[in-house]
Amino acid sequence: MSRIQYFVAASLDGFIATSTDDLGWLLQFDGFEGGKESYESFMAGVGCIVMGGETYAWLMEHEPDKWAYAGMPSYVFTRHEYTAPAGADITFVRGDVAEFIGDFRQGAGGKNIWVVGGGNLAAQFADAGLLDEIILSVIPVVLGDGKRLLPVAGPTPPLELAASRALGRGIVELRYLLNGPGGSAS
């Protein structure tokens, strides 16, 4: 069964972007040792992309007319009207994440579902008991304020650390399972 994964980078103090959606603090680490291999290994298991409208808007602003996930079914949760780049397999949706789980699983074709971001969307999956795994790269920068990693409604049960490893430039990758070794009850 497809696993729902949140593969994300965050500052040491738990932010995924500044309050103005600036990622300069993260982009300065592009090309760090082990980063490309980690991403490629992760992506080999992904069959479907899910993201929020703000994440989609950021991608379109910074890489207009280019879709990094060509050939992969993608879902964007938004209240705004957007257009998709040519050739992109994007479905724009609104509503509760649980309503679309069947669509995500079908789109994934037996592979995993990546909740790209942002944190608010990932928190909706977690609050609904649908998030199976968080793969977090902790970036050695303190932002002090910004968009939170996972702004859930309340404390989670203890997460299970499945793996950890040091990557280049002081980055640590942590893999946490939610709801025990089997993931969520989804």
Protein backbone atom coordinates (compact mmCIF):
# COMPACT_ATOMS: atom_id res chain seq x y z
CA MET A 1 0.00 0.00 0.00
CA SER A 2 1.13 3.53 -0.77
CA ARG A 3 2.69 5.42 2.12
CA ILE A 4 1.97 9.11 2.61
CA GLN A 5 5.27 10.88 3.22
CA TYR A 6 6.26 14.43 4.09
CA PHE A 7 9.80 14.88 2.70
CA VAL A 8 10.88 18.33 3.83
CA ALA A 9 13.73 20.57 4.97
CA ALA A 10 13.44 22.83 7.99
CA SER A 11 15.63 25.21 9.93
CA LEU A 12 17.01 24.11 13.28
CA ASP A 13 14.16 25.99 14.95
CA GLY A 14 11.46 24.24 12.91
CA PHE A 15 10.57 26.58 10.04
CA ILE A 16 10.24 25.56 6.37
CA ALA A 17 10.25 29.13 5.00
CA THR A 18 10.44 32.67 6.26
CA SER A 19 7.15 34.47 6.88
CA THR A 20 7.52 36.00 3.38
CA ASP A 21 8.16 32.59 1.75
CA ASP A 22 11.86 33.32 1.26
CA LEU A 23 13.93 30.14 0.82
CA GLY A 24 17.32 31.82 0.36
CA TRP A 25 18.46 30.37 3.69
CA LEU A 26 17.80 26.86 2.28
CA LEU A 27 18.93 27.41 -1.31
CA GLN A 28 22.40 28.40 -0.10
CA PHE A 29 22.82 24.68 0.73
CA ASP A 30 22.10 23.43 -2.82
CA GLY A 31 24.48 20.69 -3.84
CA PHE A 32 25.38 19.54 -0.33
CA GLU A 33 27.00 16.12 -0.06
CA GLY A 34 24.40 13.36 0.02
CA GLY A 35 21.48 15.66 -0.83
CA LYS A 36 21.07 14.66 -4.47
CA GLU A 37 21.34 10.96 -3.64
CA SER A 38 18.79 11.27 -0.82
CA TYR A 39 16.33 13.08 -3.08
CA GLU A 40 16.77 10.67 -6.00
CA SER A 41 16.37 7.64 -3.74
CA PHE A 42 13.23 9.14 -2.23
CA MET A 43 11.76 10.09 -5.62
CA ALA A 44 12.30 6.56 -6.97
CA GLY A 45 9.53 5.45 -4.58
CA VAL A 46 7.11 8.32 -5.30
CA GLY A 47 4.14 7.89 -7.65
CA CYS A 48 1.98 10.91 -6.77
CA ILE A 49 2.59 14.48 -5.61
CA VAL A 50 0.29 16.51 -3.31
CA MET A 51 0.91 20.16 -2.43
CA GLY A 52 -0.80 23.29 -1.23
CA GLY A 53 -1.60 26.31 -3.34
CA GLU A 54 1.09 28.50 -1.78
CA THR A 55 3.75 25.89 -2.59
CA TYR A 56 2.44 25.65 -6.14
CA ALA A 57 2.43 29.46 -6.52
CA TRP A 58 6.03 29.62 -5.24
CA LEU A 59 7.12 26.97 -7.76
CA MET A 60 5.38 28.77 -10.62
CA GLU A 61 6.90 32.12 -9.60
CA HIS A 62 10.42 30.72 -9.37
CA GLU A 63 10.25 28.24 -12.26
CA PRO A 64 7.55 29.55 -14.61
CA ASP A 65 6.41 27.24 -17.40
CA LYS A 66 8.48 24.39 -15.96
CA TRP A 67 7.05 21.50 -13.98
CA ALA A 68 9.62 19.55 -11.97
CA TYR A 69 7.29 16.54 -11.63
CA ALA A 70 6.51 15.89 -15.31
CA GLY A 71 4.74 12.61 -15.94
CA MET A 72 3.66 12.24 -12.31
CA PRO A 73 0.06 12.76 -11.17
CA SER A 74 -0.02 15.85 -8.99
CA TYR A 75 -2.77 17.37 -6.84
CA VAL A 76 -2.80 20.98 -5.68
CA PHE A 77 -5.09 22.02 -2.81
CA THR A 78 -6.15 25.60 -3.45
CA ARG A 79 -9.01 28.07 -3.33
CA HIS A 80 -7.48 30.05 -6.22
CA GLU A 81 -7.79 29.52 -9.94
CA TYR A 82 -4.46 28.44 -11.42
CA THR A 83 -3.39 27.05 -14.76
CA ALA A 84 -0.98 24.18 -15.17
CA PRO A 85 2.20 24.31 -17.25
CA ALA A 86 1.96 22.51 -20.59
CA GLY A 87 2.27 18.75 -20.22
CA ALA A 88 1.84 18.72 -16.42
CA ASP A 89 -0.60 16.17 -14.95
CA ILE A 90 -2.07 18.48 -12.29
CA THR A 91 -5.51 18.33 -10.70
CA PHE A 92 -6.57 21.36 -8.65
CA VAL A 93 -8.75 20.38 -5.68
CA ARG A 94 -10.33 21.90 -2.59
CA GLY A 95 -11.76 20.25 0.46
CA ASP A 96 -10.73 17.81 3.15
CA VAL A 97 -7.59 15.77 2.38
CA ALA A 98 -9.40 12.56 3.42
CA GLU A 99 -11.88 13.00 0.55
CA PHE A 100 -9.11 12.48 -2.01
CA ILE A 101 -7.08 9.62 -0.51
CA GLY A 102 -8.49 7.12 -3.03
CA ASP A 103 -7.50 9.43 -5.90
CA PHE A 104 -3.97 9.86 -4.51
CA ARG A 105 -3.51 6.11 -4.08
CA GLN A 106 -4.82 5.40 -7.57
CA GLY A 107 -2.55 8.08 -9.03
CA ALA A 108 0.44 6.68 -7.14
CA GLY A 109 0.00 3.28 -8.77
CA GLY A 110 1.33 1.37 -5.77
CA LYS A 111 4.15 3.84 -5.10
CA ASN A 112 4.25 6.43 -2.32
CA ILE A 113 2.47 9.77 -2.06
CA TRP A 114 4.64 12.81 -1.38
CA VAL A 115 3.10 15.71 0.51
CA VAL A 116 5.50 18.34 -0.84
CA GLY A 117 4.21 21.10 1.39
CA GLY A 118 3.49 23.33 2.90
CA GLY A 119 3.35 22.63 6.55
CA ASN A 120 -0.35 23.46 6.84
CA LEU A 121 -1.28 20.81 4.27
CA ALA A 122 1.02 18.23 5.88
CA ALA A 123 -0.61 19.04 9.24
CA GLN A 124 -4.04 18.31 7.75
CA PHE A 125 -2.81 14.85 6.77
CA ALA A 126 -1.32 14.33 10.24
CA ASP A 127 -4.44 15.57 12.04
CA ALA A 128 -6.55 13.16 9.94
CA GLY A 129 -4.27 10.24 10.88
CA LEU A 130 -3.18 9.87 7.25
CA LEU A 131 0.49 10.86 7.39
CA ASP A 132 2.71 7.78 7.60
CA GLU A 133 6.20 9.25 7.62
CA ILE A 134 8.16 12.48 7.98
CA ILE A 135 11.56 12.61 6.30
CA LEU A 136 13.13 15.77 7.65
CA SER A 137 16.42 17.36 6.66
CA VAL A 138 17.42 19.67 9.50
CA ILE A 139 19.33 22.61 8.04
CA PRO A 140 21.88 24.25 10.40
CA VAL A 141 20.29 27.71 10.26
CA VAL A 142 18.09 29.47 12.83
CA LEU A 143 15.36 31.65 11.31
CA GLY A 144 13.66 32.89 14.48
CA ASP A 145 10.27 33.08 12.76
CA GLY A 146 8.49 31.81 9.67
CA LYS A 147 6.23 29.06 8.36
CA ARG A 148 6.14 26.15 10.78
CA LEU A 149 7.20 22.63 9.87
CA LEU A 150 3.99 20.91 10.99
CA PRO A 151 1.41 23.16 12.67
CA VAL A 152 -0.85 20.35 13.95
CA ALA A 153 -3.94 20.92 16.09
CA GLY A 154 -2.31 19.46 19.21
CA PRO A 155 0.50 17.24 20.42
CA THR A 156 1.11 14.07 18.45
CA PRO A 157 1.78 10.70 20.03
CA PRO A 158 5.51 9.93 20.19
CA LEU A 159 6.95 9.39 16.73
CA GLU A 160 9.22 6.44 16.02
CA LEU A 161 12.70 7.32 14.76
CA ALA A 162 13.27 4.87 11.89
CA ALA A 163 16.60 6.25 10.65
CA SER A 164 19.00 9.14 10.96
CA ARG A 165 22.12 10.14 9.12
CA ALA A 166 24.49 13.05 8.79
CA LEU A 167 24.77 14.63 5.36
CA GLY A 168 27.16 17.31 4.14
CA ARG A 169 27.46 20.85 5.52
CA GLY A 170 26.04 19.89 8.93
CA ILE A 171 22.65 18.72 7.65
CA VAL A 172 20.98 15.82 9.46
CA GLU A 173 18.27 13.69 7.86
CA LEU A 174 15.72 12.18 10.24
CA ARG A 175 13.06 9.62 9.31
CA TYR A 176 10.09 9.39 11.65
CA LEU A 177 7.14 7.01 11.46
CA LEU A 178 3.78 8.19 12.76
CA ASN A 179 1.47 5.75 14.51
CA GLY A 180 4.11 3.04 14.98
CA PRO A 181 6.07 0.80 12.60
CA GLY A 182 3.17 0.17 10.24
CA GLY A 183 2.44 3.87 9.74
CA SER A 184 -1.06 5.26 9.97
CA ALA A 185 -4.21 3.23 9.88
CA SER A 186 -5.00 4.56 6.41
